Amino acid sequence: LVEEPPVPLAERRQVRRRAVEIERLRGAVLLVEEEDRRLLGRPVWAVDDAVGLGVPARRGLLLWTARAHFLLTALLLALEAAPDKFARARQALGLLPSPQPAWFAFDALGLLFLGITSLLFLGAAQYSAKYLALEKRGSGGGVGDGFIFNDEPEAIFTGCLLLFLAAMTAVTASRHMGLLWALVEATTLLSAPLIYFHRSRRSLEATWKYLLICSVGIAL
């Protein structure tokens, strides 16, 4: 009989750590599956109530802000389409050229991009409200790519979305190149927490790559 050489202590410890990690992953997967089965069978408002106090208000603020922004954008487009009928209203809203240079004013191209931004944000807000309702909260938010990740606080996600909308609106109305550059950079910074919503190694790597590429592009 040939005796097998003894396994080194460091290797045995590594095997034990891997076994413990596998058991943790299995437990996390079972918890996530159970939570998904419990929440997916319920309506959105019931899911909101199950998540915690104040959460439905934040999602409602996101949805109604997106809808109000879309309606106001549609109003601005209607005023631009009929310049003679609403001349006074157009001047009050900054749609007419002013004798003095202004920091913010809308022109035809700005209104076009404002309409595109508002429509896309309306769809993103509708999806985000349902997505956040089904996301598990707390430690061990889920399992992805072989490891456990934690979700970012929903208040940060919602706040960054609303600030992103404000920055994009200011971009479309900006009349100064320096201010335009600063606002575009602000949209980059406000998007970073959205990418890092699932706090994992890969999302952190994607966030840094996004910031680097966008910052270099804006600088050039």
C-alpha atoms as a PDB file:
ATOM      1  CA  LEU A   1       0.000   0.000   0.000  1.00  0.00           C
ATOM      2  CA  VAL A   2       1.198   3.454  -0.899  1.00  0.00           C
ATOM      3  CA  GLU A   3       0.502   6.087   1.705  1.00  0.00           C
ATOM      4  CA  GLU A   4      -0.860   9.361   0.372  1.00  0.00           C
ATOM      5  CA  PRO A   5       1.078  12.444   1.398  1.00  0.00           C
ATOM      6  CA  PRO A   6      -0.633  14.564   4.051  1.00  0.00           C
ATOM      7  CA  VAL A   7      -2.640  17.543   2.830  1.00  0.00           C
ATOM      8  CA  PRO A   8      -1.016  20.849   3.814  1.00  0.00           C
ATOM      9  CA  LEU A   9      -2.762  22.843   6.501  1.00  0.00           C
ATOM     10  CA  ALA A  10      -3.217  25.921   4.263  1.00  0.00           C
ATOM     11  CA  GLU A  11      -4.901  23.830   1.583  1.00  0.00           C
ATOM     12  CA  ARG A  12      -7.245  22.247   4.117  1.00  0.00           C
ATOM     13  CA  ARG A  13      -8.231  25.669   5.405  1.00  0.00           C
ATOM     14  CA  GLN A  14      -8.896  26.860   1.865  1.00  0.00           C
ATOM     15  CA  VAL A  15     -11.124  23.842   1.204  1.00  0.00           C
ATOM     16  CA  ARG A  16     -13.063  24.556   4.395  1.00  0.00           C
ATOM     17  CA  ARG A  17     -13.545  28.210   3.452  1.00  0.00           C
ATOM     18  CA  ARG A  18     -14.848  27.182   0.031  1.00  0.00           C
ATOM     19  CA  ALA A  19     -17.257  24.717   1.614  1.00  0.00           C
ATOM     20  CA  VAL A  20     -18.568  27.372   4.009  1.00  0.00           C
ATOM     21  CA  GLU A  21     -18.984  29.828   1.132  1.00  0.00           C
ATOM     22  CA  ILE A  22     -20.886  27.256  -0.920  1.00  0.00           C
ATOM     23  CA  GLU A  23     -23.257  26.623   1.986  1.00  0.00           C
ATOM     24  CA  ARG A  24     -23.835  30.352   2.364  1.00  0.00           C
ATOM     25  CA  LEU A  25     -24.610  30.671  -1.332  1.00  0.00           C
ATOM     26  CA  ARG A  26     -27.056  27.778  -1.160  1.00  0.00           C
ATOM     27  CA  GLY A  27     -28.815  29.361   1.784  1.00  0.00           C
ATOM     28  CA  ALA A  28     -28.966  32.735   0.051  1.00  0.00           C
ATOM     29  CA  VAL A  29     -30.389  31.169  -3.102  1.00  0.00           C
ATOM     30  CA  LEU A  30     -33.123  29.452  -1.101  1.00  0.00           C
ATOM     31  CA  LEU A  31     -34.001  32.703   0.686  1.00  0.00           C
ATOM     32  CA  VAL A  32     -34.162  34.672  -2.557  1.00  0.00           C
ATOM     33  CA  GLU A  33     -36.295  32.029  -4.272  1.00  0.00           C
ATOM     34  CA  GLU A  34     -38.675  31.907  -1.325  1.00  0.00           C
ATOM     35  CA  GLU A  35     -38.946  35.704  -1.235  1.00  0.00           C
ATOM     36  CA  ASP A  36     -39.554  35.856  -4.998  1.00  0.00           C
ATOM     37  CA  ARG A  37     -42.311  33.272  -4.760  1.00  0.00           C
ATOM     38  CA  ARG A  38     -43.903  35.249  -1.948  1.00  0.00           C
ATOM     39  CA  LEU A  39     -43.712  38.659  -3.660  1.00  0.00           C
ATOM     40  CA  LEU A  40     -44.253  37.851  -7.333  1.00  0.00           C
ATOM     41  CA  GLY A  41     -47.705  36.484  -6.650  1.00  0.00           C
ATOM     42  CA  ARG A  42     -48.873  39.755  -5.078  1.00  0.00           C
ATOM     43  CA  PRO A  43     -49.906  43.071  -6.669  1.00  0.00           C
ATOM     44  CA  VAL A  44     -47.452  45.953  -6.750  1.00  0.00           C
ATOM     45  CA  TRP A  45     -49.129  47.919  -3.948  1.00  0.00           C
ATOM     46  CA  ALA A  46     -49.047  44.870  -1.690  1.00  0.00           C
ATOM     47  CA  VAL A  47     -45.357  44.398  -2.434  1.00  0.00           C
ATOM     48  CA  ASP A  48     -44.779  48.060  -1.578  1.00  0.00           C
ATOM     49  CA  ASP A  49     -46.486  47.649   1.779  1.00  0.00           C
ATOM     50  CA  ALA A  50     -44.405  44.550   2.515  1.00  0.00           C
ATOM     51  CA  VAL A  51     -41.096  46.277   1.838  1.00  0.00           C
ATOM     52  CA  GLY A  52     -41.381  49.026   4.411  1.00  0.00           C
ATOM     53  CA  LEU A  53     -42.799  52.377   5.482  1.00  0.00           C
ATOM     54  CA  GLY A  54     -42.157  55.270   3.145  1.00  0.00           C
ATOM     55  CA  VAL A  55     -41.128  53.197   0.143  1.00  0.00           C
ATOM     56  CA  PRO A  56     -44.423  53.564  -1.796  1.00  0.00           C
ATOM     57  CA  ALA A  57     -44.179  57.347  -1.339  1.00  0.00           C
ATOM     58  CA  ARG A  58     -40.741  57.431  -2.942  1.00  0.00           C
ATOM     59  CA  ARG A  59     -41.895  55.375  -5.903  1.00  0.00           C
ATOM     60  CA  GLY A  60     -45.009  57.504  -6.220  1.00  0.00           C
ATOM     61  CA  LEU A  61     -42.851  60.627  -6.242  1.00  0.00           C
ATOM     62  CA  LEU A  62     -40.750  59.116  -9.013  1.00  0.00           C
ATOM     63  CA  LEU A  63     -43.775  58.183 -11.117  1.00  0.00           C
ATOM     64  CA  TRP A  64     -45.660  61.452 -10.694  1.00  0.00           C
ATOM     65  CA  THR A  65     -42.541  63.512 -11.336  1.00  0.00           C
ATOM     66  CA  ALA A  66     -41.994  61.639 -14.600  1.00  0.00           C
ATOM     67  CA  ARG A  67     -45.620  62.123 -15.619  1.00  0.00           C
ATOM     68  CA  ALA A  68     -45.645  65.824 -14.717  1.00  0.00           C
ATOM     69  CA  HIS A  69     -42.388  66.365 -16.596  1.00  0.00           C
ATOM     70  CA  PHE A  70     -43.835  64.648 -19.661  1.00  0.00           C
ATOM     71  CA  LEU A  71     -47.010  66.775 -19.552  1.00  0.00           C
ATOM     72  CA  LEU A  72     -45.038  70.013 -19.169  1.00  0.00           C
ATOM     73  CA  THR A  73     -42.788  68.996 -22.043  1.00  0.00           C
ATOM     74  CA  ALA A  74     -45.830  68.306 -24.203  1.00  0.00           C
ATOM     75  CA  LEU A  75     -47.137  71.774 -23.274  1.00  0.00           C
ATOM     76  CA  LEU A  76     -43.850  73.394 -24.312  1.00  0.00           C
ATOM     77  CA  LEU A  77     -43.922  71.532 -27.623  1.00  0.00           C
ATOM     78  CA  ALA A  78     -47.501  72.691 -28.216  1.00  0.00           C
ATOM     79  CA  LEU A  79     -46.510  76.291 -27.509  1.00  0.00           C
ATOM     80  CA  GLU A  80     -43.590  75.990 -29.910  1.00  0.00           C
ATOM     81  CA  ALA A  81     -45.851  74.559 -32.604  1.00  0.00           C
ATOM     82  CA  ALA A  82     -48.272  77.513 -32.380  1.00  0.00           C
ATOM     83  CA  PRO A  83     -46.102  80.601 -31.894  1.00  0.00           C
ATOM     84  CA  ASP A  84     -48.735  83.203 -32.834  1.00  0.00           C
ATOM     85  CA  LYS A  85     -51.509  82.006 -30.509  1.00  0.00           C
ATOM     86  CA  PHE A  86     -49.348  81.753 -27.376  1.00  0.00           C
ATOM     87  CA  ALA A  87     -46.803  84.526 -27.872  1.00  0.00           C
ATOM     88  CA  ARG A  88     -47.084  85.890 -24.337  1.00  0.00           C
ATOM     89  CA  ALA A  89     -46.873  82.448 -22.740  1.00  0.00           C
ATOM     90  CA  ARG A  90     -43.892  81.548 -24.921  1.00  0.00           C
ATOM     91  CA  GLN A  91     -42.074  84.695 -23.825  1.00  0.00           C
ATOM     92  CA  ALA A  92     -42.767  83.962 -20.154  1.00  0.00           C
ATOM     93  CA  LEU A  93     -41.387  80.431 -20.515  1.00  0.00           C
ATOM     94  CA  GLY A  94     -38.224  81.561 -22.286  1.00  0.00           C
ATOM     95  CA  LEU A  95     -39.207  80.305 -25.732  1.00  0.00           C
ATOM     96  CA  LEU A  96     -38.681  83.688 -27.401  1.00  0.00           C
ATOM     97  CA  PRO A  97     -35.311  85.319 -27.971  1.00  0.00           C
ATOM     98  CA  SER A  98     -34.432  87.832 -25.274  1.00  0.00           C
ATOM     99  CA  PRO A  99     -32.412  91.018 -25.819  1.00  0.00           C
ATOM    100  CA  GLN A 100     -30.165  90.014 -22.916  1.00  0.00           C
ATOM    101  CA  PRO A 101     -28.210  86.744 -22.926  1.00  0.00           C
ATOM    102  CA  ALA A 102     -29.837  84.126 -20.715  1.00  0.00           C
ATOM    103  CA  TRP A 103     -28.360  81.071 -19.002  1.00  0.00           C
ATOM    104  CA  PHE A 104     -31.367  78.921 -19.832  1.00  0.00           C
ATOM    105  CA  ALA A 105     -33.793  79.151 -22.757  1.00  0.00           C
ATOM    106  CA  PHE A 106     -35.444  76.616 -25.032  1.00  0.00           C
ATOM    107  CA  ASP A 107     -35.069  76.515 -28.784  1.00  0.00           C
ATOM    108  CA  ALA A 108     -36.415  74.040 -31.349  1.00  0.00           C
ATOM    109  CA  LEU A 109     -33.478  71.632 -31.026  1.00  0.00           C
ATOM    110  CA  GLY A 110     -33.531  71.813 -27.236  1.00  0.00           C
ATOM    111  CA  LEU A 111     -37.247  71.025 -27.165  1.00  0.00           C
ATOM    112  CA  LEU A 112     -36.681  68.038 -29.433  1.00  0.00           C
ATOM    113  CA  PHE A 113     -34.122  66.533 -27.072  1.00  0.00           C
ATOM    114  CA  LEU A 114     -36.262  67.489 -24.068  1.00  0.00           C
ATOM    115  CA  GLY A 115     -39.177  65.542 -25.535  1.00  0.00           C
ATOM    116  CA  ILE A 116     -36.991  62.487 -26.165  1.00  0.00           C
ATOM    117  CA  THR A 117     -35.553  62.681 -22.644  1.00  0.00           C
ATOM    118  CA  SER A 118     -38.971  63.052 -21.034  1.00  0.00           C
ATOM    119  CA  LEU A 119     -40.446  60.112 -22.957  1.00  0.00           C
ATOM    120  CA  LEU A 120     -37.531  57.821 -22.120  1.00  0.00           C
ATOM    121  CA  PHE A 121     -37.580  58.830 -18.455  1.00  0.00           C
ATOM    122  CA  LEU A 122     -41.312  58.165 -18.249  1.00  0.00           C
ATOM    123  CA  GLY A 123     -40.742  54.597 -19.431  1.00  0.00           C
ATOM    124  CA  ALA A 124     -37.729  54.170 -17.136  1.00  0.00           C
ATOM    125  CA  ALA A 125     -39.714  55.423 -14.130  1.00  0.00           C
ATOM    126  CA  GLN A 126     -42.571  53.003 -14.814  1.00  0.00           C
ATOM    127  CA  TYR A 127     -40.158  50.100 -15.063  1.00  0.00           C
ATOM    128  CA  SER A 128     -38.081  51.192 -12.050  1.00  0.00           C
ATOM    129  CA  ALA A 129     -41.117  51.348  -9.756  1.00  0.00           C
ATOM    130  CA  LYS A 130     -42.043  47.730 -10.490  1.00  0.00           C
ATOM    131  CA  TYR A 131     -38.428  46.600 -10.485  1.00  0.00           C
ATOM    132  CA  LEU A 132     -37.744  48.113  -7.063  1.00  0.00           C
ATOM    133  CA  ALA A 133     -40.954  46.614  -5.701  1.00  0.00           C
ATOM    134  CA  LEU A 134     -39.714  43.118  -6.535  1.00  0.00           C
ATOM    135  CA  GLU A 135     -36.152  43.625  -5.352  1.00  0.00           C
ATOM    136  CA  LYS A 136     -35.219  41.995  -2.059  1.00  0.00           C
ATOM    137  CA  ARG A 137     -34.020  44.384   0.627  1.00  0.00           C
ATOM    138  CA  GLY A 138     -31.507  43.997   3.423  1.00  0.00           C
ATOM    139  CA  SER A 139     -28.257  42.098   3.803  1.00  0.00           C
ATOM    140  CA  GLY A 140     -27.648  39.477   1.154  1.00  0.00           C
ATOM    141  CA  GLY A 141     -29.849  41.107  -1.466  1.00  0.00           C
ATOM    142  CA  GLY A 142     -29.309  38.304  -3.934  1.00  0.00           C
ATOM    143  CA  VAL A 143     -26.901  36.001  -5.664  1.00  0.00           C
ATOM    144  CA  GLY A 144     -25.159  36.736  -8.930  1.00  0.00           C
ATOM    145  CA  ASP A 145     -21.991  35.542 -10.657  1.00  0.00           C
ATOM    146  CA  GLY A 146     -21.334  33.123  -7.810  1.00  0.00           C
ATOM    147  CA  PHE A 147     -21.376  35.562  -4.886  1.00  0.00           C
ATOM    148  CA  ILE A 148     -23.775  37.399  -2.622  1.00  0.00           C
ATOM    149  CA  PHE A 149     -24.459  41.071  -3.295  1.00  0.00           C
ATOM    150  CA  ASN A 150     -26.238  43.777  -1.318  1.00  0.00           C
ATOM    151  CA  ASP A 151     -28.600  46.296  -2.867  1.00  0.00           C
ATOM    152  CA  GLU A 152     -28.048  50.009  -2.613  1.00  0.00           C
ATOM    153  CA  PRO A 153     -30.644  51.930  -0.528  1.00  0.00           C
ATOM    154  CA  GLU A 154     -33.689  52.659  -2.621  1.00  0.00           C
ATOM    155  CA  ALA A 155     -33.713  56.317  -1.538  1.00  0.00           C
ATOM    156  CA  ILE A 156     -30.322  56.836  -3.219  1.00  0.00           C
ATOM    157  CA  PHE A 157     -31.509  55.119  -6.401  1.00  0.00           C
ATOM    158  CA  THR A 158     -34.699  57.192  -6.607  1.00  0.00           C
ATOM    159  CA  GLY A 159     -32.942  60.431  -5.688  1.00  0.00           C
ATOM    160  CA  CYS A 160     -30.252  59.958  -8.319  1.00  0.00           C
ATOM    161  CA  LEU A 161     -32.903  59.232 -10.959  1.00  0.00           C
ATOM    162  CA  LEU A 162     -34.736  62.470 -10.152  1.00  0.00           C
ATOM    163  CA  LEU A 163     -31.519  64.514 -10.077  1.00  0.00           C
ATOM    164  CA  PHE A 164     -30.524  62.935 -13.390  1.00  0.00           C
ATOM    165  CA  LEU A 165     -33.810  64.131 -14.910  1.00  0.00           C
ATOM    166  CA  ALA A 166     -33.190  67.634 -13.567  1.00  0.00           C
ATOM    167  CA  ALA A 167     -29.652  67.702 -14.993  1.00  0.00           C
ATOM    168  CA  MET A 168     -30.799  66.437 -18.398  1.00  0.00           C
ATOM    169  CA  THR A 169     -33.559  69.050 -18.497  1.00  0.00           C
ATOM    170  CA  ALA A 170     -30.989  71.745 -17.733  1.00  0.00           C
ATOM    171  CA  VAL A 171     -28.752  70.368 -20.493  1.00  0.00           C
ATOM    172  CA  THR A 172     -31.482  70.779 -23.090  1.00  0.00           C
ATOM    173  CA  ALA A 173     -32.163  74.374 -21.940  1.00  0.00           C
ATOM    174  CA  SER A 174     -28.568  75.495 -21.421  1.00  0.00           C
ATOM    175  CA  ARG A 175     -27.401  78.470 -23.493  1.00  0.00           C
ATOM    176  CA  HIS A 176     -23.785  78.554 -22.296  1.00  0.00           C
ATOM    177  CA  MET A 177     -21.118  76.067 -23.407  1.00  0.00           C
ATOM    178  CA  GLY A 178     -19.341  75.998 -20.051  1.00  0.00           C
ATOM    179  CA  LEU A 179     -22.586  75.389 -18.189  1.00  0.00           C
ATOM    180  CA  LEU A 180     -23.547  72.738 -20.743  1.00  0.00           C
ATOM    181  CA  TRP A 181     -20.254  70.908 -20.154  1.00  0.00           C
ATOM    182  CA  ALA A 182     -20.723  70.991 -16.364  1.00  0.00           C
ATOM    183  CA  LEU A 183     -24.289  69.676 -16.619  1.00  0.00           C
ATOM    184  CA  VAL A 184     -23.305  66.811 -18.918  1.00  0.00           C
ATOM    185  CA  GLU A 185     -20.593  65.850 -16.436  1.00  0.00           C
ATOM    186  CA  ALA A 186     -23.213  66.008 -13.666  1.00  0.00           C
ATOM    187  CA  THR A 187     -25.348  63.462 -15.521  1.00  0.00           C
ATOM    188  CA  THR A 188     -22.317  61.160 -15.592  1.00  0.00           C
ATOM    189  CA  LEU A 189     -21.781  61.442 -11.848  1.00  0.00           C
ATOM    190  CA  LEU A 190     -25.476  60.962 -11.086  1.00  0.00           C
ATOM    191  CA  SER A 191     -25.596  57.804 -13.208  1.00  0.00           C
ATOM    192  CA  ALA A 192     -22.776  56.116 -11.294  1.00  0.00           C
ATOM    193  CA  PRO A 193     -24.887  55.163  -8.213  1.00  0.00           C
ATOM    194  CA  LEU A 194     -27.495  53.684 -10.564  1.00  0.00           C
ATOM    195  CA  ILE A 195     -24.893  51.338 -12.058  1.00  0.00           C
ATOM    196  CA  TYR A 196     -23.678  50.414  -8.567  1.00  0.00           C
ATOM    197  CA  PHE A 197     -27.169  49.512  -7.356  1.00  0.00           C
ATOM    198  CA  HIS A 198     -26.153  45.862  -6.872  1.00  0.00           C
ATOM    199  CA  ARG A 199     -23.108  46.328  -4.678  1.00  0.00           C
ATOM    200  CA  SER A 200     -20.841  43.660  -6.066  1.00  0.00           C
ATOM    201  CA  ARG A 201     -17.345  43.466  -7.497  1.00  0.00           C
ATOM    202  CA  ARG A 202     -18.517  43.481 -11.108  1.00  0.00           C
ATOM    203  CA  SER A 203     -20.896  46.396 -10.647  1.00  0.00           C
ATOM    204  CA  LEU A 204     -18.107  48.384  -8.975  1.00  0.00           C
ATOM    205  CA  GLU A 205     -15.811  47.603 -11.886  1.00  0.00           C
ATOM    206  CA  ALA A 206     -18.505  48.644 -14.372  1.00  0.00           C
ATOM    207  CA  THR A 207     -19.085  51.894 -12.461  1.00  0.00           C
ATOM    208  CA  TRP A 208     -15.404  52.868 -12.563  1.00  0.00           C
ATOM    209  CA  LYS A 209     -15.157  52.002 -16.258  1.00  0.00           C
ATOM    210  CA  TYR A 210     -18.243  54.098 -16.980  1.00  0.00           C
ATOM    211  CA  LEU A 211     -16.881  57.088 -15.058  1.00  0.00           C
ATOM    212  CA  LEU A 212     -13.477  56.822 -16.722  1.00  0.00           C
ATOM    213  CA  ILE A 213     -14.775  56.478 -20.280  1.00  0.00           C
ATOM    214  CA  CYS A 214     -17.394  59.230 -19.937  1.00  0.00           C
ATOM    215  CA  SER A 215     -15.040  61.631 -18.160  1.00  0.00           C
ATOM    216  CA  VAL A 216     -12.342  61.194 -20.791  1.00  0.00           C
ATOM    217  CA  GLY A 217     -14.909  61.618 -23.554  1.00  0.00           C
ATOM    218  CA  ILE A 218     -16.298  64.817 -22.035  1.00  0.00           C
ATOM    219  CA  ALA A 219     -12.794  66.166 -21.460  1.00  0.00           C
ATOM    220  CA  LEU A 220     -11.877  65.548 -25.116  1.00  0.00           C
END
